[in-house]
Amino acid sequence: MIVRLIVFIAIFAIGWWLYRQVVAFQRTKLSNKPDSAANNAQPKNQENMVRCKQCNIHIPKSHAIHDQDANAFCSKEHLQAFHKESP
């Protein structure tokens, strides 16, 4: 009688372990799909940020004003002030 109980518990434990393995495999399989909901949550058109040479704030690269040396500035005033300070 006790042997049957031990065998039953062992079979149940193995079945539970196999079930958990299948569930974990399905979760990783679903999360690796390119069109899953987790991947769609991130914006597709992210833009790089650049730092203003004068005041050190970060602004989107498309909004920045650049000089001949490819330095980024947040405004024309900061561009002019930077070049007035530079010898």
PDB file of N, CA and C in Angstrom:
ATOM      1  N   MET A   1       0.820  -1.184   0.000  1.00  0.00           N
ATOM      2  CA  MET A   1       0.000   0.000   0.000  1.00  0.00           C
ATOM      3  C   MET A   1       0.872   1.259   0.000  1.00  0.00           C
ATOM      4  N   ILE A   2       1.884   1.315   0.849  1.00  0.00           N
ATOM      5  CA  ILE A   2       2.749   2.491   0.933  1.00  0.00           C
ATOM      6  C   ILE A   2       3.571   2.650  -0.336  1.00  0.00           C
ATOM      7  N   VAL A   3       3.910   1.532  -0.966  1.00  0.00           N
ATOM      8  CA  VAL A   3       4.680   1.589  -2.212  1.00  0.00           C
ATOM      9  C   VAL A   3       3.836   2.240  -3.304  1.00  0.00           C
ATOM     10  N   ARG A   4       2.565   1.891  -3.363  1.00  0.00           N
ATOM     11  CA  ARG A   4       1.674   2.506  -4.350  1.00  0.00           C
ATOM     12  C   ARG A   4       1.563   4.017  -4.129  1.00  0.00           C
ATOM     13  N   LEU A   5       1.485   4.427  -2.887  1.00  0.00           N
ATOM     14  CA  LEU A   5       1.404   5.848  -2.561  1.00  0.00           C
ATOM     15  C   LEU A   5       2.680   6.578  -3.002  1.00  0.00           C
ATOM     16  N   ILE A   6       3.837   5.992  -2.758  1.00  0.00           N
ATOM     17  CA  ILE A   6       5.106   6.596  -3.170  1.00  0.00           C
ATOM     18  C   ILE A   6       5.193   6.677  -4.688  1.00  0.00           C
ATOM     19  N   VAL A   7       4.777   5.613  -5.376  1.00  0.00           N
ATOM     20  CA  VAL A   7       4.788   5.620  -6.843  1.00  0.00           C
ATOM     21  C   VAL A   7       3.826   6.680  -7.369  1.00  0.00           C
ATOM     22  N   PHE A   8       2.649   6.797  -6.787  1.00  0.00           N
ATOM     23  CA  PHE A   8       1.682   7.803  -7.205  1.00  0.00           C
ATOM     24  C   PHE A   8       2.243   9.215  -7.014  1.00  0.00           C
ATOM     25  N   ILE A   9       2.872   9.486  -5.887  1.00  0.00           N
ATOM     26  CA  ILE A   9       3.459  10.803  -5.622  1.00  0.00           C
ATOM     27  C   ILE A   9       4.584  11.094  -6.608  1.00  0.00           C
ATOM     28  N   ALA A  10       5.401  10.080  -6.903  1.00  0.00           N
ATOM     29  CA  ALA A  10       6.502  10.266  -7.860  1.00  0.00           C
ATOM     30  C   ALA A  10       5.959  10.569  -9.256  1.00  0.00           C
ATOM     31  N   ILE A  11       4.929   9.843  -9.689  1.00  0.00           N
ATOM     32  CA  ILE A  11       4.332  10.089 -11.013  1.00  0.00           C
ATOM     33  C   ILE A  11       3.706  11.478 -11.057  1.00  0.00           C
ATOM     34  N   PHE A  12       3.022  11.878  -9.995  1.00  0.00           N
ATOM     35  CA  PHE A  12       2.427  13.212  -9.938  1.00  0.00           C
ATOM     36  C   PHE A  12       3.504  14.293  -9.989  1.00  0.00           C
ATOM     37  N   ALA A  13       4.612  14.120  -9.262  1.00  0.00           N
ATOM     38  CA  ALA A  13       5.692  15.109  -9.251  1.00  0.00           C
ATOM     39  C   ALA A  13       6.343  15.220 -10.633  1.00  0.00           C
ATOM     40  N   ILE A  14       6.567  14.125 -11.294  1.00  0.00           N
ATOM     41  CA  ILE A  14       7.146  14.145 -12.645  1.00  0.00           C
ATOM     42  C   ILE A  14       6.185  14.820 -13.619  1.00  0.00           C
ATOM     43  N   GLY A  15       4.905  14.528 -13.516  1.00  0.00           N
ATOM     44  CA  GLY A  15       3.902  15.162 -14.378  1.00  0.00           C
ATOM     45  C   GLY A  15       3.839  16.661 -14.157  1.00  0.00           C
ATOM     46  N   TRP A  16       3.880  17.085 -12.904  1.00  0.00           N
ATOM     47  CA  TRP A  16       3.865  18.521 -12.585  1.00  0.00           C
ATOM     48  C   TRP A  16       5.106  19.210 -13.125  1.00  0.00           C
ATOM     49  N   TRP A  17       6.275  18.572 -12.985  1.00  0.00           N
ATOM     50  CA  TRP A  17       7.522  19.135 -13.502  1.00  0.00           C
ATOM     51  C   TRP A  17       7.472  19.270 -15.025  1.00  0.00           C
ATOM     52  N   LEU A  18       6.966  18.238 -15.725  1.00  0.00           N
ATOM     53  CA  LEU A  18       6.835  18.310 -17.187  1.00  0.00           C
ATOM     54  C   LEU A  18       5.871  19.419 -17.604  1.00  0.00           C
ATOM     55  N   TYR A  19       4.775  19.561 -16.895  1.00  0.00           N
ATOM     56  CA  TYR A  19       3.815  20.623 -17.194  1.00  0.00           C
ATOM     57  C   TYR A  19       4.465  21.997 -17.059  1.00  0.00           C
ATOM     58  N   ARG A  20       5.231  22.231 -15.996  1.00  0.00           N
ATOM     59  CA  ARG A  20       5.897  23.519 -15.791  1.00  0.00           C
ATOM     60  C   ARG A  20       6.937  23.781 -16.880  1.00  0.00           C
ATOM     61  N   GLN A  21       7.619  22.743 -17.351  1.00  0.00           N
ATOM     62  CA  GLN A  21       8.604  22.901 -18.414  1.00  0.00           C
ATOM     63  C   GLN A  21       7.925  23.317 -19.718  1.00  0.00           C
ATOM     64  N   VAL A  22       6.795  22.717 -20.027  1.00  0.00           N
ATOM     65  CA  VAL A  22       6.055  23.058 -21.252  1.00  0.00           C
ATOM     66  C   VAL A  22       5.552  24.498 -21.181  1.00  0.00           C
ATOM     67  N   VAL A  23       5.028  24.911 -20.051  1.00  0.00           N
ATOM     68  CA  VAL A  23       4.536  26.279 -19.890  1.00  0.00           C
ATOM     69  C   VAL A  23       5.679  27.287 -20.029  1.00  0.00           C
ATOM     70  N   ALA A  24       6.821  26.997 -19.427  1.00  0.00           N
ATOM     71  CA  ALA A  24       7.964  27.904 -19.531  1.00  0.00           C
ATOM     72  C   ALA A  24       8.463  27.983 -20.970  1.00  0.00           C
ATOM     73  N   PHE A  25       8.473  26.870 -21.680  1.00  0.00           N
ATOM     74  CA  PHE A  25       8.905  26.864 -23.081  1.00  0.00           C
ATOM     75  C   PHE A  25       7.960  27.691 -23.942  1.00  0.00           C
ATOM     76  N   GLN A  26       6.662  27.569 -23.717  1.00  0.00           N
ATOM     77  CA  GLN A  26       5.696  28.344 -24.497  1.00  0.00           C
ATOM     78  C   GLN A  26       5.832  29.834 -24.227  1.00  0.00           C
ATOM     79  N   ARG A  27       6.135  30.226 -22.999  1.00  0.00           N
ATOM     80  CA  ARG A  27       6.320  31.645 -22.683  1.00  0.00           C
ATOM     81  C   ARG A  27       7.529  32.222 -23.412  1.00  0.00           C
ATOM     82  N   THR A  28       8.636  31.493 -23.432  1.00  0.00           N
ATOM     83  CA  THR A  28       9.823  31.991 -24.129  1.00  0.00           C
ATOM     84  C   THR A  28       9.595  32.011 -25.625  1.00  0.00           C
ATOM     85  N   LYS A  29       8.851  31.059 -26.135  1.00  0.00           N
ATOM     86  CA  LYS A  29       8.552  31.018 -27.568  1.00  0.00           C
ATOM     87  C   LYS A  29       7.688  32.208 -27.971  1.00  0.00           C
ATOM     88  N   LEU A  30       6.724  32.571 -27.152  1.00  0.00           N
ATOM     89  CA  LEU A  30       5.852  33.705 -27.458  1.00  0.00           C
ATOM     90  C   LEU A  30       6.583  35.043 -27.308  1.00  0.00           C
ATOM     91  N   SER A  31       7.478  35.149 -26.350  1.00  0.00           N
ATOM     92  CA  SER A  31       8.174  36.416 -26.137  1.00  0.00           C
ATOM     93  C   SER A  31       9.233  36.682 -27.200  1.00  0.00           C
ATOM     94  N   ASN A  32       9.669  35.675 -27.938  1.00  0.00           N
ATOM     95  CA  ASN A  32      10.682  35.853 -28.975  1.00  0.00           C
ATOM     96  C   ASN A  32      10.092  36.213 -30.336  1.00  0.00           C
ATOM     97  N   LYS A  33       8.779  36.249 -30.456  1.00  0.00           N
ATOM     98  CA  LYS A  33       8.164  36.620 -31.727  1.00  0.00           C
ATOM     99  C   LYS A  33       8.394  38.098 -32.006  1.00  0.00           C
ATOM    100  N   PRO A  34       8.701  38.475 -33.265  1.00  0.00           N
ATOM    101  CA  PRO A  34       8.981  39.885 -33.557  1.00  0.00           C
ATOM    102  C   PRO A  34       7.770  40.790 -33.426  1.00  0.00           C
ATOM    103  N   ASP A  35       6.562  40.285 -33.609  1.00  0.00           N
ATOM    104  CA  ASP A  35       5.384  41.147 -33.537  1.00  0.00           C
ATOM    105  C   ASP A  35       4.592  40.915 -32.257  1.00  0.00           C
ATOM    106  N   SER A  36       5.266  40.587 -31.185  1.00  0.00           N
ATOM    107  CA  SER A  36       4.571  40.410 -29.916  1.00  0.00           C
ATOM    108  C   SER A  36       4.224  41.777 -29.325  1.00  0.00           C
ATOM    109  N   ALA A  37       3.353  41.792 -28.357  1.00  0.00           N
ATOM    110  CA  ALA A  37       2.900  43.047 -27.752  1.00  0.00           C
ATOM    111  C   ALA A  37       4.043  43.769 -27.042  1.00  0.00           C
ATOM    112  N   ALA A  38       4.984  43.041 -26.480  1.00  0.00           N
ATOM    113  CA  ALA A  38       6.107  43.676 -25.787  1.00  0.00           C
ATOM    114  C   ALA A  38       6.981  44.452 -26.763  1.00  0.00           C
ATOM    115  N   ASN A  39       7.187  43.942 -27.956  1.00  0.00           N
ATOM    116  CA  ASN A  39       8.014  44.638 -28.932  1.00  0.00           C
ATOM    117  C   ASN A  39       7.284  45.824 -29.547  1.00  0.00           C
ATOM    118  N   ASN A  40       5.973  45.774 -29.631  1.00  0.00           N
ATOM    119  CA  ASN A  40       5.205  46.878 -30.202  1.00  0.00           C
ATOM    120  C   ASN A  40       5.072  48.040 -29.232  1.00  0.00           C
ATOM    121  N   ALA A  41       5.356  47.826 -27.953  1.00  0.00           N
ATOM    122  CA  ALA A  41       5.223  48.892 -26.968  1.00  0.00           C
ATOM    123  C   ALA A  41       6.317  49.941 -27.137  1.00  0.00           C
ATOM    124  N   GLN A  42       7.459  49.563 -27.685  1.00  0.00           N
ATOM    125  CA  GLN A  42       8.544  50.517 -27.869  1.00  0.00           C
ATOM    126  C   GLN A  42       8.309  51.305 -29.149  1.00  0.00           C
ATOM    127  N   PRO A  43       8.555  52.607 -29.110  1.00  0.00           N
ATOM    128  CA  PRO A  43       8.389  53.407 -30.326  1.00  0.00           C
ATOM    129  C   PRO A  43       9.409  52.997 -31.382  1.00  0.00           C
ATOM    130  N   LYS A  44       8.951  52.942 -32.632  1.00  0.00           N
ATOM    131  CA  LYS A  44       9.833  52.510 -33.719  1.00  0.00           C
ATOM    132  C   LYS A  44      10.740  53.629 -34.192  1.00  0.00           C
ATOM    133  N   ASN A  45      10.314  54.870 -34.051  1.00  0.00           N
ATOM    134  CA  ASN A  45      11.095  56.006 -34.560  1.00  0.00           C
ATOM    135  C   ASN A  45      11.736  56.768 -33.414  1.00  0.00           C
ATOM    136  N   GLN A  46      12.659  56.132 -32.741  1.00  0.00           N
ATOM    137  CA  GLN A  46      13.369  56.824 -31.675  1.00  0.00           C
ATOM    138  C   GLN A  46      14.478  57.666 -32.280  1.00  0.00           C
ATOM    139  N   GLU A  47      14.687  58.836 -31.711  1.00  0.00           N
ATOM    140  CA  GLU A  47      15.674  59.759 -32.241  1.00  0.00           C
ATOM    141  C   GLU A  47      16.817  59.933 -31.252  1.00  0.00           C
ATOM    142  N   ASN A  48      18.025  60.065 -31.765  1.00  0.00           N
ATOM    143  CA  ASN A  48      19.186  60.280 -30.917  1.00  0.00           C
ATOM    144  C   ASN A  48      19.150  61.678 -30.318  1.00  0.00           C
ATOM    145  N   MET A  49      19.719  61.781 -29.115  1.00  0.00           N
ATOM    146  CA  MET A  49      19.810  63.066 -28.433  1.00  0.00           C
ATOM    147  C   MET A  49      21.251  63.544 -28.509  1.00  0.00           C
ATOM    148  N   VAL A  50      21.423  64.864 -28.586  1.00  0.00           N
ATOM    149  CA  VAL A  50      22.753  65.473 -28.587  1.00  0.00           C
ATOM    150  C   VAL A  50      22.807  66.497 -27.461  1.00  0.00           C
ATOM    151  N   ARG A  51      24.015  66.818 -27.021  1.00  0.00           N
ATOM    152  CA  ARG A  51      24.199  67.760 -25.913  1.00  0.00           C
ATOM    153  C   ARG A  51      24.641  69.104 -26.455  1.00  0.00           C
ATOM    154  N   CYS A  52      24.005  70.164 -25.992  1.00  0.00           N
ATOM    155  CA  CYS A  52      24.385  71.518 -26.371  1.00  0.00           C
ATOM    156  C   CYS A  52      25.768  71.806 -25.802  1.00  0.00           C
ATOM    157  N   LYS A  53      26.669  72.313 -26.629  1.00  0.00           N
ATOM    158  CA  LYS A  53      28.037  72.611 -26.187  1.00  0.00           C
ATOM    159  C   LYS A  53      28.081  73.763 -25.191  1.00  0.00           C
ATOM    160  N   GLN A  54      27.086  74.624 -25.212  1.00  0.00           N
ATOM    161  CA  GLN A  54      27.087  75.803 -24.350  1.00  0.00           C
ATOM    162  C   GLN A  54      26.478  75.505 -22.983  1.00  0.00           C
ATOM    163  N   CYS A  55      25.282  74.941 -22.950  1.00  0.00           N
ATOM    164  CA  CYS A  55      24.583  74.772 -21.670  1.00  0.00           C
ATOM    165  C   CYS A  55      24.461  73.314 -21.221  1.00  0.00           C
ATOM    166  N   ASN A  56      24.917  72.374 -22.032  1.00  0.00           N
ATOM    167  CA  ASN A  56      24.952  70.940 -21.700  1.00  0.00           C
ATOM    168  C   ASN A  56      23.586  70.291 -21.518  1.00  0.00           C
ATOM    169  N   ILE A  57      22.525  70.863 -22.090  1.00  0.00           N
ATOM    170  CA  ILE A  57      21.244  70.170 -22.033  1.00  0.00           C
ATOM    171  C   ILE A  57      21.144  69.240 -23.243  1.00  0.00           C
ATOM    172  N   HIS A  58      20.330  68.220 -23.130  1.00  0.00           N
ATOM    173  CA  HIS A  58      20.129  67.283 -24.234  1.00  0.00           C
ATOM    174  C   HIS A  58      18.899  67.693 -25.043  1.00  0.00           C
ATOM    175  N   ILE A  59      19.044  67.660 -26.358  1.00  0.00           N
ATOM    176  CA  ILE A  59      17.950  68.000 -27.268  1.00  0.00           C
ATOM    177  C   ILE A  59      17.945  66.975 -28.397  1.00  0.00           C
ATOM    178  N   PRO A  60      16.797  66.770 -29.048  1.00  0.00           N
ATOM    179  CA  PRO A  60      16.772  65.853 -30.192  1.00  0.00           C
ATOM    180  C   PRO A  60      17.702  66.345 -31.299  1.00  0.00           C
ATOM    181  N   LYS A  61      18.325  65.408 -31.989  1.00  0.00           N
ATOM    182  CA  LYS A  61      19.305  65.756 -33.019  1.00  0.00           C
ATOM    183  C   LYS A  61      18.676  66.591 -34.132  1.00  0.00           C
ATOM    184  N   SER A  62      17.420  66.346 -34.445  1.00  0.00           N
ATOM    185  CA  SER A  62      16.767  67.100 -35.517  1.00  0.00           C
ATOM    186  C   SER A  62      16.493  68.549 -35.114  1.00  0.00           C
ATOM    187  N   HIS A  63      16.436  68.844 -33.815  1.00  0.00           N
ATOM    188  CA  HIS A  63      16.178  70.212 -33.347  1.00  0.00           C
ATOM    189  C   HIS A  63      17.458  70.994 -33.102  1.00  0.00           C
ATOM    190  N   ALA A  64      18.586  70.312 -33.111  1.00  0.00           N
ATOM    191  CA  ALA A  64      19.854  70.962 -32.793  1.00  0.00           C
ATOM    192  C   ALA A  64      20.342  71.807 -33.967  1.00  0.00           C
ATOM    193  N   ILE A  65      21.113  72.845 -33.634  1.00  0.00           N
ATOM    194  CA  ILE A  65      21.766  73.694 -34.633  1.00  0.00           C
ATOM    195  C   ILE A  65      23.245  73.321 -34.595  1.00  0.00           C
ATOM    196  N   HIS A  66      23.813  72.999 -35.744  1.00  0.00           N
ATOM    197  CA  HIS A  66      25.195  72.541 -35.822  1.00  0.00           C
ATOM    198  C   HIS A  66      26.072  73.591 -36.491  1.00  0.00           C
ATOM    199  N   ASP A  67      27.342  73.676 -36.049  1.00  0.00           N
ATOM    200  CA  ASP A  67      28.296  74.570 -36.702  1.00  0.00           C
ATOM    201  C   ASP A  67      29.184  73.755 -37.654  1.00  0.00           C
ATOM    202  N   GLN A  68      30.228  74.383 -38.187  1.00  0.00           N
ATOM    203  CA  GLN A  68      31.088  73.713 -39.160  1.00  0.00           C
ATOM    204  C   GLN A  68      31.841  72.529 -38.552  1.00  0.00           C
ATOM    205  N   ASP A  69      32.086  72.577 -37.253  1.00  0.00           N
ATOM    206  CA  ASP A  69      32.818  71.502 -36.585  1.00  0.00           C
ATOM    207  C   ASP A  69      31.897  70.397 -36.067  1.00  0.00           C
ATOM    208  N   ALA A  70      30.634  70.433 -36.454  1.00  0.00           N
ATOM    209  CA  ALA A  70      29.616  69.460 -36.050  1.00  0.00           C
ATOM    210  C   ALA A  70      29.299  69.524 -34.558  1.00  0.00           C
ATOM    211  N   ASN A  71      29.533  70.660 -33.920  1.00  0.00           N
ATOM    212  CA  ASN A  71      29.111  70.866 -32.538  1.00  0.00           C
ATOM    213  C   ASN A  71      27.613  71.172 -32.533  1.00  0.00           C
ATOM    214  N   ALA A  72      26.907  70.616 -31.561  1.00  0.00           N
ATOM    215  CA  ALA A  72      25.457  70.806 -31.476  1.00  0.00           C
ATOM    216  C   ALA A  72      25.133  71.907 -30.470  1.00  0.00           C
ATOM    217  N   PHE A  73      24.123  72.717 -30.799  1.00  0.00           N
ATOM    218  CA  PHE A  73      23.655  73.789 -29.923  1.00  0.00           C
ATOM    219  C   PHE A  73      22.138  73.774 -29.894  1.00  0.00           C
ATOM    220  N   CYS A  74      21.569  74.246 -28.782  1.00  0.00           N
ATOM    221  CA  CYS A  74      20.111  74.251 -28.656  1.00  0.00           C
ATOM    222  C   CYS A  74      19.484  75.505 -29.260  1.00  0.00           C
ATOM    223  N   SER A  75      20.274  76.570 -29.460  1.00  0.00           N
ATOM    224  CA  SER A  75      19.728  77.793 -30.048  1.00  0.00           C
ATOM    225  C   SER A  75      20.833  78.565 -30.759  1.00  0.00           C
ATOM    226  N   LYS A  76      20.404  79.536 -31.574  1.00  0.00           N
ATOM    227  CA  LYS A  76      21.382  80.383 -32.277  1.00  0.00           C
ATOM    228  C   LYS A  76      22.185  81.219 -31.298  1.00  0.00           C
ATOM    229  N   GLU A  77      21.547  81.630 -30.215  1.00  0.00           N
ATOM    230  CA  GLU A  77      22.238  82.435 -29.210  1.00  0.00           C
ATOM    231  C   GLU A  77      23.392  81.663 -28.579  1.00  0.00           C
ATOM    232  N   HIS A  78      23.169  80.392 -28.300  1.00  0.00           N
ATOM    233  CA  HIS A  78      24.235  79.585 -27.705  1.00  0.00           C
ATOM    234  C   HIS A  78      25.341  79.319 -28.725  1.00  0.00           C
ATOM    235  N   LEU A  79      24.987  79.176 -29.985  1.00  0.00           N
ATOM    236  CA  LEU A  79      25.994  79.016 -31.039  1.00  0.00           C
ATOM    237  C   LEU A  79      26.879  80.257 -31.102  1.00  0.00           C
ATOM    238  N   GLN A  80      26.256  81.427 -31.099  1.00  0.00           N
ATOM    239  CA  GLN A  80      27.025  82.687 -31.175  1.00  0.00           C
ATOM    240  C   GLN A  80      27.839  82.902 -29.907  1.00  0.00           C
ATOM    241  N   ALA A  81      27.270  82.612 -28.745  1.00  0.00           N
ATOM    242  CA  ALA A  81      27.992  82.796 -27.490  1.00  0.00           C
ATOM    243  C   ALA A  81      29.186  81.861 -27.400  1.00  0.00           C
ATOM    244  N   PHE A  82      29.041  80.658 -27.872  1.00  0.00           N
ATOM    245  CA  PHE A  82      30.153  79.701 -27.836  1.00  0.00           C
ATOM    246  C   PHE A  82      31.302  80.170 -28.710  1.00  0.00           C
ATOM    247  N   HIS A  83      30.989  80.701 -29.894  1.00  0.00           N
ATOM    248  CA  HIS A  83      32.037  81.136 -30.799  1.00  0.00           C
ATOM    249  C   HIS A  83      32.650  82.477 -30.386  1.00  0.00           C
ATOM    250  N   LYS A  84      31.925  83.271 -29.589  1.00  0.00           N
ATOM    251  CA  LYS A  84      32.502  84.502 -29.061  1.00  0.00           C
ATOM    252  C   LYS A  84      33.507  84.190 -27.953  1.00  0.00           C
ATOM    253  N   GLU A  85      33.225  83.163 -27.162  1.00  0.00           N
ATOM    254  CA  GLU A  85      34.121  82.776 -26.066  1.00  0.00           C
ATOM    255  C   GLU A  85      35.361  82.071 -26.598  1.00  0.00           C
ATOM    256  N   SER A  86      35.221  81.324 -27.689  1.00  0.00           N
ATOM    257  CA  SER A  86      36.359  80.558 -28.224  1.00  0.00           C
ATOM    258  C   SER A  86      37.340  81.491 -28.922  1.00  0.00           C
ATOM    259  N   PRO A  87      38.644  81.291 -28.692  1.00  0.00           N
ATOM    260  CA  PRO A  87      39.627  82.176 -29.337  1.00  0.00           C
ATOM    261  C   PRO A  87      39.810  81.841 -30.804  1.00  0.00           C
TER     262      PRO A  87
END
